[in-house]
Amino acid sequence: MIETDHGKYEIIKDYKEALEIKVFNDKYVDYLDKYEYIVGDYSADMLRFKGFSKDNYQTIPDYLMESATPNAPYFVLKRIKWGISSFFFSVLIPNC
């Protein structure tokens, strides 16, 4: 699990150690908040993001095959969502 400025994520795949937290935080856009899965891949030395929902995350391999530069570094993250009980626990005991 990793913690970023935009939430907590489970690392599903980090091909060629593509994931750099600082770069992720700098390039992240709020539009991605609605997606459960985030793919980051490098094309022409630029990090690109693509979001996937729980309904279409099975298409991530297709996306990488068709849209990513062959053999380029990439990562796949799964958002860890807070449940209601986690939220209330963090409000009651914020430094836990």
PDB file of N, CA and C in Angstrom:
ATOM      1  N   MET A   1       0.840  -1.177   0.000  1.00  0.00           N
ATOM      2  CA  MET A   1       0.000   0.000   0.000  1.00  0.00           C
ATOM      3  C   MET A   1       0.888   1.244   0.000  1.00  0.00           C
ATOM      4  N   ILE A   2       0.439   2.249  -0.739  1.00  0.00           N
ATOM      5  CA  ILE A   2       1.130   3.536  -0.737  1.00  0.00           C
ATOM      6  C   ILE A   2       0.135   4.624  -0.377  1.00  0.00           C
ATOM      7  N   GLU A   3       0.636   5.700   0.180  1.00  0.00           N
ATOM      8  CA  GLU A   3      -0.208   6.841   0.505  1.00  0.00           C
ATOM      9  C   GLU A   3       0.292   8.029  -0.305  1.00  0.00           C
ATOM     10  N   THR A   4      -0.626   8.672  -1.013  1.00  0.00           N
ATOM     11  CA  THR A   4      -0.299   9.831  -1.830  1.00  0.00           C
ATOM     12  C   THR A   4      -1.108  11.023  -1.344  1.00  0.00           C
ATOM     13  N   ASP A   5      -0.901  12.167  -1.975  1.00  0.00           N
ATOM     14  CA  ASP A   5      -1.705  13.348  -1.666  1.00  0.00           C
ATOM     15  C   ASP A   5      -3.162  13.162  -2.091  1.00  0.00           C
ATOM     16  N   HIS A   6      -3.422  12.122  -2.868  1.00  0.00           N
ATOM     17  CA  HIS A   6      -4.746  11.903  -3.446  1.00  0.00           C
ATOM     18  C   HIS A   6      -5.407  10.616  -2.959  1.00  0.00           C
ATOM     19  N   GLY A   7      -4.884  10.042  -1.907  1.00  0.00           N
ATOM     20  CA  GLY A   7      -5.480   8.846  -1.329  1.00  0.00           C
ATOM     21  C   GLY A   7      -4.482   7.712  -1.184  1.00  0.00           C
ATOM     22  N   LYS A   8      -5.018   6.600  -0.727  1.00  0.00           N
ATOM     23  CA  LYS A   8      -4.212   5.397  -0.536  1.00  0.00           C
ATOM     24  C   LYS A   8      -4.500   4.426  -1.673  1.00  0.00           C
ATOM     25  N   TYR A   9      -3.455   3.724  -2.090  1.00  0.00           N
ATOM     26  CA  TYR A   9      -3.567   2.815  -3.224  1.00  0.00           C
ATOM     27  C   TYR A   9      -2.823   1.519  -2.952  1.00  0.00           C
ATOM     28  N   GLU A  10      -3.324   0.480  -3.546  1.00  0.00           N
ATOM     29  CA  GLU A  10      -2.627  -0.799  -3.590  1.00  0.00           C
ATOM     30  C   GLU A  10      -1.895  -0.850  -4.930  1.00  0.00           C
ATOM     31  N   ILE A  11      -0.634  -1.221  -4.900  1.00  0.00           N
ATOM     32  CA  ILE A  11       0.123  -1.338  -6.145  1.00  0.00           C
ATOM     33  C   ILE A  11      -0.173  -2.713  -6.744  1.00  0.00           C
ATOM     34  N   ILE A  12      -0.822  -2.717  -7.893  1.00  0.00           N
ATOM     35  CA  ILE A  12      -1.121  -3.969  -8.594  1.00  0.00           C
ATOM     36  C   ILE A  12       0.083  -4.392  -9.428  1.00  0.00           C
ATOM     37  N   LYS A  13       0.689  -3.418 -10.128  1.00  0.00           N
ATOM     38  CA  LYS A  13       1.855  -3.690 -10.970  1.00  0.00           C
ATOM     39  C   LYS A  13       2.697  -2.427 -11.051  1.00  0.00           C
ATOM     40  N   ASP A  14       4.004  -2.581 -10.957  1.00  0.00           N
ATOM     41  CA  ASP A  14       4.927  -1.464 -11.106  1.00  0.00           C
ATOM     42  C   ASP A  14       6.036  -1.925 -12.046  1.00  0.00           C
ATOM     43  N   TYR A  15       5.731  -1.924 -13.329  1.00  0.00           N
ATOM     44  CA  TYR A  15       6.642  -2.431 -14.350  1.00  0.00           C
ATOM     45  C   TYR A  15       7.789  -1.447 -14.560  1.00  0.00           C
ATOM     46  N   LYS A  16       8.993  -1.932 -14.423  1.00  0.00           N
ATOM     47  CA  LYS A  16      10.220  -1.135 -14.570  1.00  0.00           C
ATOM     48  C   LYS A  16      10.274   0.029 -13.577  1.00  0.00           C
ATOM     49  N   GLU A  17       9.697  -0.197 -12.402  1.00  0.00           N
ATOM     50  CA  GLU A  17       9.718   0.803 -11.317  1.00  0.00           C
ATOM     51  C   GLU A  17       9.265   2.182 -11.819  1.00  0.00           C
ATOM     52  N   ALA A  18       8.141   2.193 -12.505  1.00  0.00           N
ATOM     53  CA  ALA A  18       7.614   3.425 -13.101  1.00  0.00           C
ATOM     54  C   ALA A  18       7.009   4.377 -12.079  1.00  0.00           C
ATOM     55  N   LEU A  19       6.541   3.846 -10.965  1.00  0.00           N
ATOM     56  CA  LEU A  19       5.822   4.666  -9.999  1.00  0.00           C
ATOM     57  C   LEU A  19       6.771   5.496  -9.147  1.00  0.00           C
ATOM     58  N   GLU A  20       6.626   6.806  -9.250  1.00  0.00           N
ATOM     59  CA  GLU A  20       7.335   7.756  -8.404  1.00  0.00           C
ATOM     60  C   GLU A  20       6.267   8.638  -7.759  1.00  0.00           C
ATOM     61  N   ILE A  21       6.167   8.592  -6.452  1.00  0.00           N
ATOM     62  CA  ILE A  21       5.086   9.271  -5.734  1.00  0.00           C
ATOM     63  C   ILE A  21       5.059  10.771  -6.031  1.00  0.00           C
ATOM     64  N   LYS A  22       6.209  11.412  -6.038  1.00  0.00           N
ATOM     65  CA  LYS A  22       6.231  12.862  -6.288  1.00  0.00           C
ATOM     66  C   LYS A  22       5.676  13.191  -7.674  1.00  0.00           C
ATOM     67  N   VAL A  23       6.088  12.452  -8.678  1.00  0.00           N
ATOM     68  CA  VAL A  23       5.594  12.684 -10.040  1.00  0.00           C
ATOM     69  C   VAL A  23       4.103  12.386 -10.107  1.00  0.00           C
ATOM     70  N   PHE A  24       3.678  11.304  -9.460  1.00  0.00           N
ATOM     71  CA  PHE A  24       2.246  10.966  -9.407  1.00  0.00           C
ATOM     72  C   PHE A  24       1.460  12.127  -8.817  1.00  0.00           C
ATOM     73  N   ASN A  25       1.894  12.644  -7.673  1.00  0.00           N
ATOM     74  CA  ASN A  25       1.200  13.760  -7.023  1.00  0.00           C
ATOM     75  C   ASN A  25       1.180  15.007  -7.901  1.00  0.00           C
ATOM     76  N   ASP A  26       2.275  15.287  -8.572  1.00  0.00           N
ATOM     77  CA  ASP A  26       2.358  16.479  -9.421  1.00  0.00           C
ATOM     78  C   ASP A  26       1.459  16.394 -10.650  1.00  0.00           C
ATOM     79  N   LYS A  27       1.338  15.228 -11.231  1.00  0.00           N
ATOM     80  CA  LYS A  27       0.583  15.067 -12.483  1.00  0.00           C
ATOM     81  C   LYS A  27      -0.887  14.699 -12.284  1.00  0.00           C
ATOM     82  N   TYR A  28      -1.245  14.254 -11.092  1.00  0.00           N
ATOM     83  CA  TYR A  28      -2.605  13.794 -10.810  1.00  0.00           C
ATOM     84  C   TYR A  28      -3.622  14.918 -11.044  1.00  0.00           C
ATOM     85  N   VAL A  29      -4.755  14.575 -11.630  1.00  0.00           N
ATOM     86  CA  VAL A  29      -5.855  15.525 -11.819  1.00  0.00           C
ATOM     87  C   VAL A  29      -7.099  14.975 -11.123  1.00  0.00           C
ATOM     88  N   ASP A  30      -7.906  15.876 -10.573  1.00  0.00           N
ATOM     89  CA  ASP A  30      -9.078  15.471  -9.794  1.00  0.00           C
ATOM     90  C   ASP A  30     -10.066  14.627 -10.583  1.00  0.00           C
ATOM     91  N   TYR A  31     -10.032  14.727 -11.886  1.00  0.00           N
ATOM     92  CA  TYR A  31     -10.912  13.924 -12.734  1.00  0.00           C
ATOM     93  C   TYR A  31     -10.750  12.435 -12.438  1.00  0.00           C
ATOM     94  N   LEU A  32      -9.576  12.022 -12.012  1.00  0.00           N
ATOM     95  CA  LEU A  32      -9.308  10.603 -11.739  1.00  0.00           C
ATOM     96  C   LEU A  32      -9.936  10.109 -10.442  1.00  0.00           C
ATOM     97  N   ASP A  33     -10.464  11.023  -9.623  1.00  0.00           N
ATOM     98  CA  ASP A  33     -11.058  10.641  -8.340  1.00  0.00           C
ATOM     99  C   ASP A  33     -12.186   9.621  -8.491  1.00  0.00           C
ATOM    100  N   LYS A  34     -12.860   9.634  -9.606  1.00  0.00           N
ATOM    101  CA  LYS A  34     -14.015   8.749  -9.793  1.00  0.00           C
ATOM    102  C   LYS A  34     -13.634   7.319 -10.180  1.00  0.00           C
ATOM    103  N   TYR A  35     -12.361   7.080 -10.449  1.00  0.00           N
ATOM    104  CA  TYR A  35     -11.934   5.757 -10.895  1.00  0.00           C
ATOM    105  C   TYR A  35     -11.317   4.945  -9.760  1.00  0.00           C
ATOM    106  N   GLU A  36     -11.605   3.658  -9.780  1.00  0.00           N
ATOM    107  CA  GLU A  36     -11.057   2.750  -8.775  1.00  0.00           C
ATOM    108  C   GLU A  36      -9.636   2.306  -9.137  1.00  0.00           C
ATOM    109  N   TYR A  37      -9.349   2.226 -10.425  1.00  0.00           N
ATOM    110  CA  TYR A  37      -8.033   1.805 -10.909  1.00  0.00           C
ATOM    111  C   TYR A  37      -7.412   2.936 -11.721  1.00  0.00           C
ATOM    112  N   ILE A  38      -6.130   3.154 -11.543  1.00  0.00           N
ATOM    113  CA  ILE A  38      -5.408   4.158 -12.309  1.00  0.00           C
ATOM    114  C   ILE A  38      -4.182   3.504 -12.923  1.00  0.00           C
ATOM    115  N   VAL A  39      -4.044   3.692 -14.232  1.00  0.00           N
ATOM    116  CA  VAL A  39      -2.859   3.228 -14.951  1.00  0.00           C
ATOM    117  C   VAL A  39      -2.038   4.455 -15.307  1.00  0.00           C
ATOM    118  N   GLY A  40      -0.765   4.391 -15.018  1.00  0.00           N
ATOM    119  CA  GLY A  40       0.164   5.437 -15.422  1.00  0.00           C
ATOM    120  C   GLY A  40       1.205   4.822 -16.327  1.00  0.00           C
ATOM    121  N   ASP A  41       1.370   5.403 -17.517  1.00  0.00           N
ATOM    122  CA  ASP A  41       2.393   4.888 -18.429  1.00  0.00           C
ATOM    123  C   ASP A  41       3.174   6.051 -19.013  1.00  0.00           C
ATOM    124  N   TYR A  42       4.393   5.748 -19.422  1.00  0.00           N
ATOM    125  CA  TYR A  42       5.260   6.773 -19.985  1.00  0.00           C
ATOM    126  C   TYR A  42       5.294   6.644 -21.492  1.00  0.00           C
ATOM    127  N   SER A  43       5.066   7.783 -22.144  1.00  0.00           N
ATOM    128  CA  SER A  43       5.160   7.872 -23.593  1.00  0.00           C
ATOM    129  C   SER A  43       5.920   9.152 -23.903  1.00  0.00           C
ATOM    130  N   ALA A  44       6.990   9.043 -24.657  1.00  0.00           N
ATOM    131  CA  ALA A  44       7.854  10.186 -24.967  1.00  0.00           C
ATOM    132  C   ALA A  44       8.301  10.885 -23.682  1.00  0.00           C
ATOM    133  N   ASP A  45       8.660  10.091 -22.688  1.00  0.00           N
ATOM    134  CA  ASP A  45       9.138  10.591 -21.389  1.00  0.00           C
ATOM    135  C   ASP A  45       8.122  11.433 -20.636  1.00  0.00           C
ATOM    136  N   MET A  46       6.855  11.267 -20.960  1.00  0.00           N
ATOM    137  CA  MET A  46       5.783  11.967 -20.242  1.00  0.00           C
ATOM    138  C   MET A  46       4.852  10.945 -19.610  1.00  0.00           C
ATOM    139  N   LEU A  47       4.478  11.195 -18.355  1.00  0.00           N
ATOM    140  CA  LEU A  47       3.554  10.313 -17.651  1.00  0.00           C
ATOM    141  C   LEU A  47       2.131  10.609 -18.093  1.00  0.00           C
ATOM    142  N   ARG A  48       1.427   9.546 -18.502  1.00  0.00           N
ATOM    143  CA  ARG A  48       0.021   9.665 -18.881  1.00  0.00           C
ATOM    144  C   ARG A  48      -0.798   8.832 -17.906  1.00  0.00           C
ATOM    145  N   PHE A  49      -2.004   9.310 -17.594  1.00  0.00           N
ATOM    146  CA  PHE A  49      -2.921   8.572 -16.725  1.00  0.00           C
ATOM    147  C   PHE A  49      -4.144   8.125 -17.499  1.00  0.00           C
ATOM    148  N   LYS A  50      -4.671   6.993 -17.093  1.00  0.00           N
ATOM    149  CA  LYS A  50      -5.940   6.493 -17.618  1.00  0.00           C
ATOM    150  C   LYS A  50      -6.661   5.839 -16.448  1.00  0.00           C
ATOM    151  N   GLY A  51      -7.921   6.194 -16.254  1.00  0.00           N
ATOM    152  CA  GLY A  51      -8.707   5.630 -15.174  1.00  0.00           C
ATOM    153  C   GLY A  51      -9.612   4.514 -15.647  1.00  0.00           C
ATOM    154  N   PHE A  52      -9.833   3.555 -14.754  1.00  0.00           N
ATOM    155  CA  PHE A  52     -10.715   2.421 -15.039  1.00  0.00           C
ATOM    156  C   PHE A  52     -11.626   2.192 -13.840  1.00  0.00           C
ATOM    157  N   SER A  53     -12.864   1.843 -14.123  1.00  0.00           N
ATOM    158  CA  SER A  53     -13.826   1.545 -13.056  1.00  0.00           C
ATOM    159  C   SER A  53     -13.774   0.057 -12.740  1.00  0.00           C
ATOM    160  N   LYS A  54     -14.516  -0.325 -11.699  1.00  0.00           N
ATOM    161  CA  LYS A  54     -14.553  -1.754 -11.359  1.00  0.00           C
ATOM    162  C   LYS A  54     -15.280  -2.552 -12.437  1.00  0.00           C
ATOM    163  N   ASP A  55     -16.043  -1.866 -13.290  1.00  0.00           N
ATOM    164  CA  ASP A  55     -16.765  -2.552 -14.366  1.00  0.00           C
ATOM    165  C   ASP A  55     -15.904  -2.807 -15.593  1.00  0.00           C
ATOM    166  N   ASN A  56     -14.828  -2.036 -15.778  1.00  0.00           N
ATOM    167  CA  ASN A  56     -14.025  -2.219 -16.992  1.00  0.00           C
ATOM    168  C   ASN A  56     -12.528  -2.404 -16.742  1.00  0.00           C
ATOM    169  N   TYR A  57     -12.135  -2.661 -15.507  1.00  0.00           N
ATOM    170  CA  TYR A  57     -10.701  -2.805 -15.225  1.00  0.00           C
ATOM    171  C   TYR A  57     -10.078  -4.002 -15.936  1.00  0.00           C
ATOM    172  N   GLN A  58     -10.909  -4.953 -16.364  1.00  0.00           N
ATOM    173  CA  GLN A  58     -10.388  -6.115 -17.086  1.00  0.00           C
ATOM    174  C   GLN A  58      -9.786  -5.716 -18.431  1.00  0.00           C
ATOM    175  N   THR A  59     -10.093  -4.501 -18.901  1.00  0.00           N
ATOM    176  CA  THR A  59      -9.569  -4.044 -20.189  1.00  0.00           C
ATOM    177  C   THR A  59      -8.206  -3.363 -20.065  1.00  0.00           C
ATOM    178  N   ILE A  60      -7.639  -3.318 -18.871  1.00  0.00           N
ATOM    179  CA  ILE A  60      -6.324  -2.689 -18.689  1.00  0.00           C
ATOM    180  C   ILE A  60      -5.263  -3.338 -19.583  1.00  0.00           C
ATOM    181  N   PRO A  61      -5.168  -4.669 -19.666  1.00  0.00           N
ATOM    182  CA  PRO A  61      -4.157  -5.252 -20.571  1.00  0.00           C
ATOM    183  C   PRO A  61      -4.359  -4.821 -22.025  1.00  0.00           C
ATOM    184  N   ASP A  62      -5.620  -4.703 -22.457  1.00  0.00           N
ATOM    185  CA  ASP A  62      -5.898  -4.243 -23.819  1.00  0.00           C
ATOM    186  C   ASP A  62      -5.411  -2.810 -24.013  1.00  0.00           C
ATOM    187  N   TYR A  63      -5.695  -1.964 -23.024  1.00  0.00           N
ATOM    188  CA  TYR A  63      -5.242  -0.570 -23.099  1.00  0.00           C
ATOM    189  C   TYR A  63      -3.719  -0.505 -23.223  1.00  0.00           C
ATOM    190  N   LEU A  64      -3.018  -1.260 -22.389  1.00  0.00           N
ATOM    191  CA  LEU A  64      -1.557  -1.240 -22.425  1.00  0.00           C
ATOM    192  C   LEU A  64      -1.021  -1.756 -23.760  1.00  0.00           C
ATOM    193  N   MET A  65      -1.662  -2.760 -24.299  1.00  0.00           N
ATOM    194  CA  MET A  65      -1.221  -3.334 -25.566  1.00  0.00           C
ATOM    195  C   MET A  65      -1.470  -2.369 -26.730  1.00  0.00           C
ATOM    196  N   GLU A  66      -2.612  -1.691 -26.705  1.00  0.00           N
ATOM    197  CA  GLU A  66      -3.013  -0.860 -27.845  1.00  0.00           C
ATOM    198  C   GLU A  66      -2.544   0.596 -27.735  1.00  0.00           C
ATOM    199  N   SER A  67      -2.426   1.128 -26.530  1.00  0.00           N
ATOM    200  CA  SER A  67      -2.187   2.563 -26.384  1.00  0.00           C
ATOM    201  C   SER A  67      -0.834   2.934 -25.777  1.00  0.00           C
ATOM    202  N   ALA A  68      -0.233   2.031 -25.067  1.00  0.00           N
ATOM    203  CA  ALA A  68       1.051   2.346 -24.431  1.00  0.00           C
ATOM    204  C   ALA A  68       2.202   2.032 -25.386  1.00  0.00           C
ATOM    205  N   THR A  69       3.289   2.724 -25.195  1.00  0.00           N
ATOM    206  CA  THR A  69       4.485   2.455 -25.975  1.00  0.00           C
ATOM    207  C   THR A  69       5.013   1.076 -25.583  1.00  0.00           C
ATOM    208  N   PRO A  70       5.328   0.230 -26.564  1.00  0.00           N
ATOM    209  CA  PRO A  70       5.802  -1.126 -26.239  1.00  0.00           C
ATOM    210  C   PRO A  70       7.005  -1.108 -25.300  1.00  0.00           C
ATOM    211  N   ASN A  71       6.932  -1.935 -24.283  1.00  0.00           N
ATOM    212  CA  ASN A  71       7.992  -2.132 -23.299  1.00  0.00           C
ATOM    213  C   ASN A  71       8.284  -0.882 -22.451  1.00  0.00           C
ATOM    214  N   ALA A  72       7.376   0.079 -22.462  1.00  0.00           N
ATOM    215  CA  ALA A  72       7.558   1.301 -21.675  1.00  0.00           C
ATOM    216  C   ALA A  72       7.194   1.043 -20.216  1.00  0.00           C
ATOM    217  N   PRO A  73       7.778   1.788 -19.289  1.00  0.00           N
ATOM    218  CA  PRO A  73       7.419   1.649 -17.876  1.00  0.00           C
ATOM    219  C   PRO A  73       5.961   2.042 -17.641  1.00  0.00           C
ATOM    220  N   TYR A  74       5.311   1.310 -16.747  1.00  0.00           N
ATOM    221  CA  TYR A  74       3.928   1.631 -16.384  1.00  0.00           C
ATOM    222  C   TYR A  74       3.629   1.113 -14.993  1.00  0.00           C
ATOM    223  N   PHE A  75       2.531   1.610 -14.425  1.00  0.00           N
ATOM    224  CA  PHE A  75       2.058   1.089 -13.148  1.00  0.00           C
ATOM    225  C   PHE A  75       0.545   1.028 -13.163  1.00  0.00           C
ATOM    226  N   VAL A  76       0.028   0.137 -12.318  1.00  0.00           N
ATOM    227  CA  VAL A  76      -1.420  -0.016 -12.135  1.00  0.00           C
ATOM    228  C   VAL A  76      -1.682   0.071 -10.638  1.00  0.00           C
ATOM    229  N   LEU A  77      -2.571   0.992 -10.257  1.00  0.00           N
ATOM    230  CA  LEU A  77      -2.926   1.189  -8.853  1.00  0.00           C
ATOM    231  C   LEU A  77      -4.404   0.949  -8.648  1.00  0.00           C
ATOM    232  N   LYS A  78      -4.750   0.424  -7.487  1.00  0.00           N
ATOM    233  CA  LYS A  78      -6.147   0.263  -7.090  1.00  0.00           C
ATOM    234  C   LYS A  78      -6.387   1.140  -5.870  1.00  0.00           C
ATOM    235  N   ARG A  79      -7.382   1.990  -5.980  1.00  0.00           N
ATOM    236  CA  ARG A  79      -7.716   2.908  -4.896  1.00  0.00           C
ATOM    237  C   ARG A  79      -8.254   2.122  -3.698  1.00  0.00           C
ATOM    238  N   ILE A  80      -7.789   2.472  -2.520  1.00  0.00           N
ATOM    239  CA  ILE A  80      -8.302   1.885  -1.284  1.00  0.00           C
ATOM    240  C   ILE A  80      -9.296   2.884  -0.720  1.00  0.00           C
ATOM    241  N   LYS A  81     -10.555   2.507  -0.731  1.00  0.00           N
ATOM    242  CA  LYS A  81     -11.610   3.417  -0.281  1.00  0.00           C
ATOM    243  C   LYS A  81     -11.839   3.264   1.206  1.00  0.00           C
ATOM    244  N   TRP A  82     -12.160   4.372   1.814  1.00  0.00           N
ATOM    245  CA  TRP A  82     -12.493   4.366   3.234  1.00  0.00           C
ATOM    246  C   TRP A  82     -13.953   4.004   3.397  1.00  0.00           C
ATOM    247  N   GLY A  83     -14.227   3.142   4.347  1.00  0.00           N
ATOM    248  CA  GLY A  83     -15.603   2.858   4.709  1.00  0.00           C
ATOM    249  C   GLY A  83     -16.107   3.891   5.700  1.00  0.00           C
ATOM    250  N   ILE A  84     -17.384   3.867   5.970  1.00  0.00           N
ATOM    251  CA  ILE A  84     -17.962   4.827   6.913  1.00  0.00           C
ATOM    252  C   ILE A  84     -17.324   4.676   8.283  1.00  0.00           C
ATOM    253  N   SER A  85     -17.106   3.443   8.714  1.00  0.00           N
ATOM    254  CA  SER A  85     -16.532   3.245  10.045  1.00  0.00           C
ATOM    255  C   SER A  85     -15.106   3.798  10.104  1.00  0.00           C
ATOM    256  N   SER A  86     -14.340   3.661   9.036  1.00  0.00           N
ATOM    257  CA  SER A  86     -12.989   4.215   9.004  1.00  0.00           C
ATOM    258  C   SER A  86     -13.029   5.728   9.094  1.00  0.00           C
ATOM    259  N   PHE A  87     -13.999   6.338   8.404  1.00  0.00           N
ATOM    260  CA  PHE A  87     -14.128   7.784   8.433  1.00  0.00           C
ATOM    261  C   PHE A  87     -14.428   8.267   9.849  1.00  0.00           C
ATOM    262  N   PHE A  88     -15.426   7.671  10.495  1.00  0.00           N
ATOM    263  CA  PHE A  88     -15.789   8.092  11.837  1.00  0.00           C
ATOM    264  C   PHE A  88     -14.655   7.831  12.828  1.00  0.00           C
ATOM    265  N   PHE A  89     -13.951   6.732  12.667  1.00  0.00           N
ATOM    266  CA  PHE A  89     -12.824   6.430  13.533  1.00  0.00           C
ATOM    267  C   PHE A  89     -11.749   7.500  13.394  1.00  0.00           C
ATOM    268  N   SER A  90     -11.473   7.911  12.143  1.00  0.00           N
ATOM    269  CA  SER A  90     -10.445   8.927  11.937  1.00  0.00           C
ATOM    270  C   SER A  90     -10.867  10.290  12.468  1.00  0.00           C
ATOM    271  N   VAL A  91     -12.175  10.570  12.478  1.00  0.00           N
ATOM    272  CA  VAL A  91     -12.654  11.850  13.028  1.00  0.00           C
ATOM    273  C   VAL A  91     -12.558  11.831  14.549  1.00  0.00           C
ATOM    274  N   LEU A  92     -12.919  10.704  15.137  1.00  0.00           N
ATOM    275  CA  LEU A  92     -12.891  10.594  16.598  1.00  0.00           C
ATOM    276  C   LEU A  92     -11.458  10.565  17.128  1.00  0.00           C
ATOM    277  N   ILE A  93     -10.582   9.882  16.422  1.00  0.00           N
ATOM    278  CA  ILE A  93      -9.189   9.745  16.854  1.00  0.00           C
ATOM    279  C   ILE A  93      -8.303  10.099  15.652  1.00  0.00           C
ATOM    280  N   PRO A  94      -8.138  11.394  15.357  1.00  0.00           N
ATOM    281  CA  PRO A  94      -7.473  11.817  14.130  1.00  0.00           C
ATOM    282  C   PRO A  94      -6.001  11.446  14.021  1.00  0.00           C
ATOM    283  N   ASN A  95      -5.296  11.270  15.084  1.00  0.00           N
ATOM    284  CA  ASN A  95      -3.862  10.968  14.996  1.00  0.00           C
ATOM    285  C   ASN A  95      -3.559   9.485  15.108  1.00  0.00           C
ATOM    286  N   CYS A  96      -4.517   8.659  14.832  1.00  0.00           N
ATOM    287  CA  CYS A  96      -4.318   7.217  14.923  1.00  0.00           C
ATOM    288  C   CYS A  96      -3.694   6.666  13.664  1.00  0.00           C
TER     289      CYS A  96
END
